[in-house]
């Protein structure tokens, strides 16, 4: 199995990654919003929209 970050062979200790470094890179991508999961839940969409436009004076 190849590491999804760098394509090197995965290490059993860090699987599916080759190292803790690649695992940390992946985690950082989740934290900074690089990776997202879609939602069709109207409540979540409404909340996300209000957060995005909270400080936008053109939406008030």
PDB file of N, CA and C in Angstrom:
ATOM      1  N   UNK A   1       0.850  -1.173   0.000  1.00  0.00           N
ATOM      2  CA  UNK A   1       0.000   0.000   0.000  1.00  0.00           C
ATOM      3  C   UNK A   1       0.895   1.235   0.000  1.00  0.00           C
ATOM      4  N   UNK A   2       0.572   2.196  -0.831  1.00  0.00           N
ATOM      5  CA  UNK A   2       1.349   3.426  -0.923  1.00  0.00           C
ATOM      6  C   UNK A   2       0.784   4.503   0.003  1.00  0.00           C
ATOM      7  N   UNK A   3       1.651   5.292   0.561  1.00  0.00           N
ATOM      8  CA  UNK A   3       1.273   6.425   1.404  1.00  0.00           C
ATOM      9  C   UNK A   3       0.471   7.420   0.549  1.00  0.00           C
ATOM     10  N   UNK A   4      -0.691   7.861   1.039  1.00  0.00           N
ATOM     11  CA  UNK A   4      -1.499   8.790   0.253  1.00  0.00           C
ATOM     12  C   UNK A   4      -0.890  10.199   0.133  1.00  0.00           C
ATOM     13  N   UNK A   5       0.110  10.493   0.937  1.00  0.00           N
ATOM     14  CA  UNK A   5       0.743  11.809   0.892  1.00  0.00           C
ATOM     15  C   UNK A   5       1.944  11.816  -0.048  1.00  0.00           C
ATOM     16  N   UNK A   6       2.861  10.864   0.126  1.00  0.00           N
ATOM     17  CA  UNK A   6       4.113  10.912  -0.639  1.00  0.00           C
ATOM     18  C   UNK A   6       4.335   9.730  -1.577  1.00  0.00           C
ATOM     19  N   UNK A   7       3.425   8.750  -1.528  1.00  0.00           N
ATOM     20  CA  UNK A   7       3.494   7.579  -2.413  1.00  0.00           C
ATOM     21  C   UNK A   7       4.547   6.537  -2.018  1.00  0.00           C
ATOM     22  N   UNK A   8       5.283   6.742  -0.912  1.00  0.00           N
ATOM     23  CA  UNK A   8       6.225   5.724  -0.442  1.00  0.00           C
ATOM     24  C   UNK A   8       5.440   4.562   0.152  1.00  0.00           C
ATOM     25  N   UNK A   9       6.129   3.454   0.386  1.00  0.00           N
ATOM     26  CA  UNK A   9       5.491   2.282   0.978  1.00  0.00           C
ATOM     27  C   UNK A   9       5.018   2.618   2.397  1.00  0.00           C
ATOM     28  N   UNK A  10       3.796   2.228   2.731  1.00  0.00           N
ATOM     29  CA  UNK A  10       3.237   2.492   4.056  1.00  0.00           C
ATOM     30  C   UNK A  10       3.973   1.693   5.123  1.00  0.00           C
ATOM     31  N   UNK A  11       4.074   2.282   6.307  1.00  0.00           N
ATOM     32  CA  UNK A  11       4.686   1.629   7.462  1.00  0.00           C
ATOM     33  C   UNK A  11       3.554   1.114   8.349  1.00  0.00           C
ATOM     34  N   UNK A  12       3.684  -0.098   8.854  1.00  0.00           N
ATOM     35  CA  UNK A  12       2.637  -0.702   9.676  1.00  0.00           C
ATOM     36  C   UNK A  12       2.305   0.149  10.904  1.00  0.00           C
ATOM     37  N   UNK A  13       3.290   0.856  11.462  1.00  0.00           N
ATOM     38  CA  UNK A  13       3.060   1.686  12.650  1.00  0.00           C
ATOM     39  C   UNK A  13       2.243   2.934  12.347  1.00  0.00           C
ATOM     40  N   UNK A  14       2.278   3.397  11.125  1.00  0.00           N
ATOM     41  CA  UNK A  14       1.610   4.652  10.759  1.00  0.00           C
ATOM     42  C   UNK A  14       0.562   4.454   9.666  1.00  0.00           C
ATOM     43  N   UNK A  15       0.212   3.245   9.420  1.00  0.00           N
ATOM     44  CA  UNK A  15      -0.659   2.894   8.315  1.00  0.00           C
ATOM     45  C   UNK A  15      -1.903   3.754   8.250  1.00  0.00           C
ATOM     46  N   UNK A  16      -2.295   4.280   7.150  1.00  0.00           N
ATOM     47  CA  UNK A  16      -1.857   4.010   5.788  1.00  0.00           C
ATOM     48  C   UNK A  16      -0.687   4.885   5.340  1.00  0.00           C
ATOM     49  N   UNK A  17      -0.081   5.613   6.258  1.00  0.00           N
ATOM     50  CA  UNK A  17       1.007   6.523   5.917  1.00  0.00           C
ATOM     51  C   UNK A  17       2.361   5.841   6.074  1.00  0.00           C
ATOM     52  N   UNK A  18       3.397   6.474   5.512  1.00  0.00           N
ATOM     53  CA  UNK A  18       4.739   5.911   5.610  1.00  0.00           C
ATOM     54  C   UNK A  18       5.448   6.370   6.876  1.00  0.00           C
ATOM     55  N   UNK A  19       4.975   7.469   7.460  1.00  0.00           N
ATOM     56  CA  UNK A  19       5.640   8.040   8.629  1.00  0.00           C
ATOM     57  C   UNK A  19       4.672   8.924   9.406  1.00  0.00           C
ATOM     58  N   UNK A  20       5.084   9.269  10.628  1.00  0.00           N
ATOM     59  CA  UNK A  20       4.288  10.191  11.442  1.00  0.00           C
ATOM     60  C   UNK A  20       4.214  11.555  10.753  1.00  0.00           C
ATOM     61  N   UNK A  21       5.274  11.940  10.066  1.00  0.00           N
ATOM     62  CA  UNK A  21       5.291  13.209   9.354  1.00  0.00           C
ATOM     63  C   UNK A  21       4.161  13.284   8.335  1.00  0.00           C
ATOM     64  N   UNK A  22       4.008  12.247   7.509  1.00  0.00           N
ATOM     65  CA  UNK A  22       2.940  12.240   6.507  1.00  0.00           C
ATOM     66  C   UNK A  22       1.563  12.190   7.179  1.00  0.00           C
ATOM     67  N   UNK A  23       1.446  11.463   8.295  1.00  0.00           N
ATOM     68  CA  UNK A  23       0.187  11.421   9.039  1.00  0.00           C
ATOM     69  C   UNK A  23      -0.159  12.815   9.552  1.00  0.00           C
ATOM     70  N   UNK A  24       0.841  13.543  10.044  1.00  0.00           N
ATOM     71  CA  UNK A  24       0.623  14.901  10.537  1.00  0.00           C
ATOM     72  C   UNK A  24       0.250  15.864   9.408  1.00  0.00           C
ATOM     73  N   UNK A  25       0.846  15.696   8.249  1.00  0.00           N
ATOM     74  CA  UNK A  25       0.490  16.521   7.088  1.00  0.00           C
ATOM     75  C   UNK A  25      -0.984  16.303   6.748  1.00  0.00           C
ATOM     76  N   UNK A  26      -1.406  15.045   6.737  1.00  0.00           N
ATOM     77  CA  UNK A  26      -2.796  14.722   6.442  1.00  0.00           C
ATOM     78  C   UNK A  26      -3.732  15.346   7.475  1.00  0.00           C
ATOM     79  N   UNK A  27      -3.395  15.227   8.753  1.00  0.00           N
ATOM     80  CA  UNK A  27      -4.214  15.808   9.815  1.00  0.00           C
ATOM     81  C   UNK A  27      -4.298  17.324   9.659  1.00  0.00           C
ATOM     82  N   UNK A  28      -3.182  17.953   9.332  1.00  0.00           N
ATOM     83  CA  UNK A  28      -3.175  19.395   9.109  1.00  0.00           C
ATOM     84  C   UNK A  28      -4.088  19.806   7.971  1.00  0.00           C
ATOM     85  N   UNK A  29      -4.173  18.981   6.949  1.00  0.00           N
ATOM     86  CA  UNK A  29      -5.064  19.279   5.818  1.00  0.00           C
ATOM     87  C   UNK A  29      -6.525  19.230   6.243  1.00  0.00           C
ATOM     88  N   UNK A  30      -6.863  18.342   7.170  1.00  0.00           N
ATOM     89  CA  UNK A  30      -8.233  18.324   7.691  1.00  0.00           C
ATOM     90  C   UNK A  30      -8.476  19.577   8.523  1.00  0.00           C
ATOM     91  N   UNK A  31      -7.510  19.941   9.362  1.00  0.00           N
ATOM     92  CA  UNK A  31      -7.684  21.110  10.234  1.00  0.00           C
ATOM     93  C   UNK A  31      -7.799  22.411   9.457  1.00  0.00           C
ATOM     94  N   UNK A  32      -7.026  22.563   8.386  1.00  0.00           N
ATOM     95  CA  UNK A  32      -7.064  23.844   7.662  1.00  0.00           C
ATOM     96  C   UNK A  32      -8.155  23.910   6.591  1.00  0.00           C
ATOM     97  N   UNK A  33      -8.942  22.840   6.458  1.00  0.00           N
ATOM     98  CA  UNK A  33     -10.059  22.867   5.527  1.00  0.00           C
ATOM     99  C   UNK A  33      -9.731  22.415   4.121  1.00  0.00           C
ATOM    100  N   UNK A  34      -8.506  21.934   3.890  1.00  0.00           N
ATOM    101  CA  UNK A  34      -8.149  21.422   2.575  1.00  0.00           C
ATOM    102  C   UNK A  34      -9.060  20.252   2.211  1.00  0.00           C
ATOM    103  N   UNK A  35      -9.313  19.384   3.192  1.00  0.00           N
ATOM    104  CA  UNK A  35     -10.232  18.265   2.989  1.00  0.00           C
ATOM    105  C   UNK A  35     -11.580  18.664   3.592  1.00  0.00           C
ATOM    106  N   UNK A  36     -12.638  18.329   2.921  1.00  0.00           N
ATOM    107  CA  UNK A  36     -13.970  18.570   3.459  1.00  0.00           C
ATOM    108  C   UNK A  36     -14.869  17.391   3.127  1.00  0.00           C
ATOM    109  N   UNK A  37     -15.954  17.287   3.836  1.00  0.00           N
ATOM    110  CA  UNK A  37     -16.963  16.291   3.524  1.00  0.00           C
ATOM    111  C   UNK A  37     -18.255  17.029   3.202  1.00  0.00           C
ATOM    112  N   UNK A  38     -18.888  16.712   2.092  1.00  0.00           N
ATOM    113  CA  UNK A  38     -20.103  17.419   1.701  1.00  0.00           C
ATOM    114  C   UNK A  38     -21.286  17.063   2.597  1.00  0.00           C
ATOM    115  N   UNK A  39     -22.218  17.984   2.704  1.00  0.00           N
ATOM    116  CA  UNK A  39     -23.428  17.747   3.482  1.00  0.00           C
ATOM    117  C   UNK A  39     -24.619  18.326   2.733  1.00  0.00           C
ATOM    118  N   UNK A  40     -25.707  17.598   2.768  1.00  0.00           N
ATOM    119  CA  UNK A  40     -26.957  18.084   2.194  1.00  0.00           C
ATOM    120  C   UNK A  40     -27.953  18.454   3.281  1.00  0.00           C
ATOM    121  N   UNK A  41     -27.495  18.417   4.538  1.00  0.00           N
ATOM    122  CA  UNK A  41     -28.353  18.745   5.668  1.00  0.00           C
ATOM    123  C   UNK A  41     -28.657  20.242   5.656  1.00  0.00           C
ATOM    124  N   UNK A  42     -29.926  20.647   5.497  1.00  0.00           N
ATOM    125  CA  UNK A  42     -30.270  22.079   5.419  1.00  0.00           C
ATOM    126  C   UNK A  42     -29.813  22.883   6.633  1.00  0.00           C
ATOM    127  N   UNK A  43     -29.866  22.281   7.826  1.00  0.00           N
ATOM    128  CA  UNK A  43     -29.425  23.005   9.021  1.00  0.00           C
ATOM    129  C   UNK A  43     -27.937  23.322   8.954  1.00  0.00           C
ATOM    130  N   UNK A  44     -27.130  22.350   8.514  1.00  0.00           N
ATOM    131  CA  UNK A  44     -25.693  22.575   8.411  1.00  0.00           C
ATOM    132  C   UNK A  44     -25.383  23.594   7.318  1.00  0.00           C
ATOM    133  N   UNK A  45     -26.102  23.540   6.216  1.00  0.00           N
ATOM    134  CA  UNK A  45     -25.881  24.495   5.123  1.00  0.00           C
ATOM    135  C   UNK A  45     -26.226  25.913   5.571  1.00  0.00           C
ATOM    136  N   UNK A  46     -27.328  26.054   6.293  1.00  0.00           N
ATOM    137  CA  UNK A  46     -27.738  27.365   6.794  1.00  0.00           C
ATOM    138  C   UNK A  46     -26.718  27.919   7.785  1.00  0.00           C
ATOM    139  N   UNK A  47     -26.245  27.066   8.680  1.00  0.00           N
ATOM    140  CA  UNK A  47     -25.246  27.497   9.663  1.00  0.00           C
ATOM    141  C   UNK A  47     -23.943  27.898   8.972  1.00  0.00           C
ATOM    142  N   UNK A  48     -23.501  27.108   8.015  1.00  0.00           N
ATOM    143  CA  UNK A  48     -22.272  27.427   7.290  1.00  0.00           C
ATOM    144  C   UNK A  48     -22.414  28.747   6.547  1.00  0.00           C
ATOM    145  N   UNK A  49     -23.549  28.966   5.928  1.00  0.00           N
ATOM    146  CA  UNK A  49     -23.786  30.207   5.194  1.00  0.00           C
ATOM    147  C   UNK A  49     -23.762  31.407   6.135  1.00  0.00           C
ATOM    148  N   UNK A  50     -24.368  31.279   7.304  1.00  0.00           N
ATOM    149  CA  UNK A  50     -24.376  32.405   8.239  1.00  0.00           C
ATOM    150  C   UNK A  50     -22.972  32.693   8.777  1.00  0.00           C
ATOM    151  N   UNK A  51     -22.167  31.665   8.983  1.00  0.00           N
ATOM    152  CA  UNK A  51     -20.788  31.866   9.436  1.00  0.00           C
ATOM    153  C   UNK A  51     -19.968  32.547   8.342  1.00  0.00           C
ATOM    154  N   UNK A  52     -20.147  32.120   7.108  1.00  0.00           N
ATOM    155  CA  UNK A  52     -19.398  32.712   5.996  1.00  0.00           C
ATOM    156  C   UNK A  52     -19.717  34.188   5.804  1.00  0.00           C
ATOM    157  N   UNK A  53     -20.950  34.564   6.047  1.00  0.00           N
ATOM    158  CA  UNK A  53     -21.377  35.937   5.782  1.00  0.00           C
ATOM    159  C   UNK A  53     -21.515  36.776   7.048  1.00  0.00           C
ATOM    160  N   UNK A  54     -21.045  36.272   8.161  1.00  0.00           N
ATOM    161  CA  UNK A  54     -21.177  36.957   9.448  1.00  0.00           C
ATOM    162  C   UNK A  54     -20.592  38.364   9.428  1.00  0.00           C
ATOM    163  N   UNK A  55     -19.407  38.509   8.880  1.00  0.00           N
ATOM    164  CA  UNK A  55     -18.729  39.808   8.886  1.00  0.00           C
ATOM    165  C   UNK A  55     -18.795  40.512   7.533  1.00  0.00           C
ATOM    166  N   UNK A  56     -19.662  40.037   6.649  1.00  0.00           N
ATOM    167  CA  UNK A  56     -19.779  40.628   5.311  1.00  0.00           C
ATOM    168  C   UNK A  56     -20.888  41.674   5.329  1.00  0.00           C
ATOM    169  N   UNK A  57     -20.541  42.975   5.286  1.00  0.00           N
ATOM    170  CA  UNK A  57     -21.552  44.030   5.369  1.00  0.00           C
ATOM    171  C   UNK A  57     -22.508  44.039   4.172  1.00  0.00           C
ATOM    172  N   UNK A  58     -22.147  43.429   3.075  1.00  0.00           N
ATOM    173  CA  UNK A  58     -23.030  43.433   1.900  1.00  0.00           C
ATOM    174  C   UNK A  58     -24.188  42.467   2.045  1.00  0.00           C
ATOM    175  N   UNK A  59     -24.151  41.578   3.055  1.00  0.00           N
ATOM    176  CA  UNK A  59     -25.225  40.615   3.223  1.00  0.00           C
ATOM    177  C   UNK A  59     -26.223  41.038   4.282  1.00  0.00           C
ATOM    178  N   UNK A  60     -26.027  42.191   4.905  1.00  0.00           N
ATOM    179  CA  UNK A  60     -26.964  42.641   5.971  1.00  0.00           C
ATOM    180  C   UNK A  60     -27.924  43.638   5.437  1.00  0.00           C
TER     181      UNK A  60
END
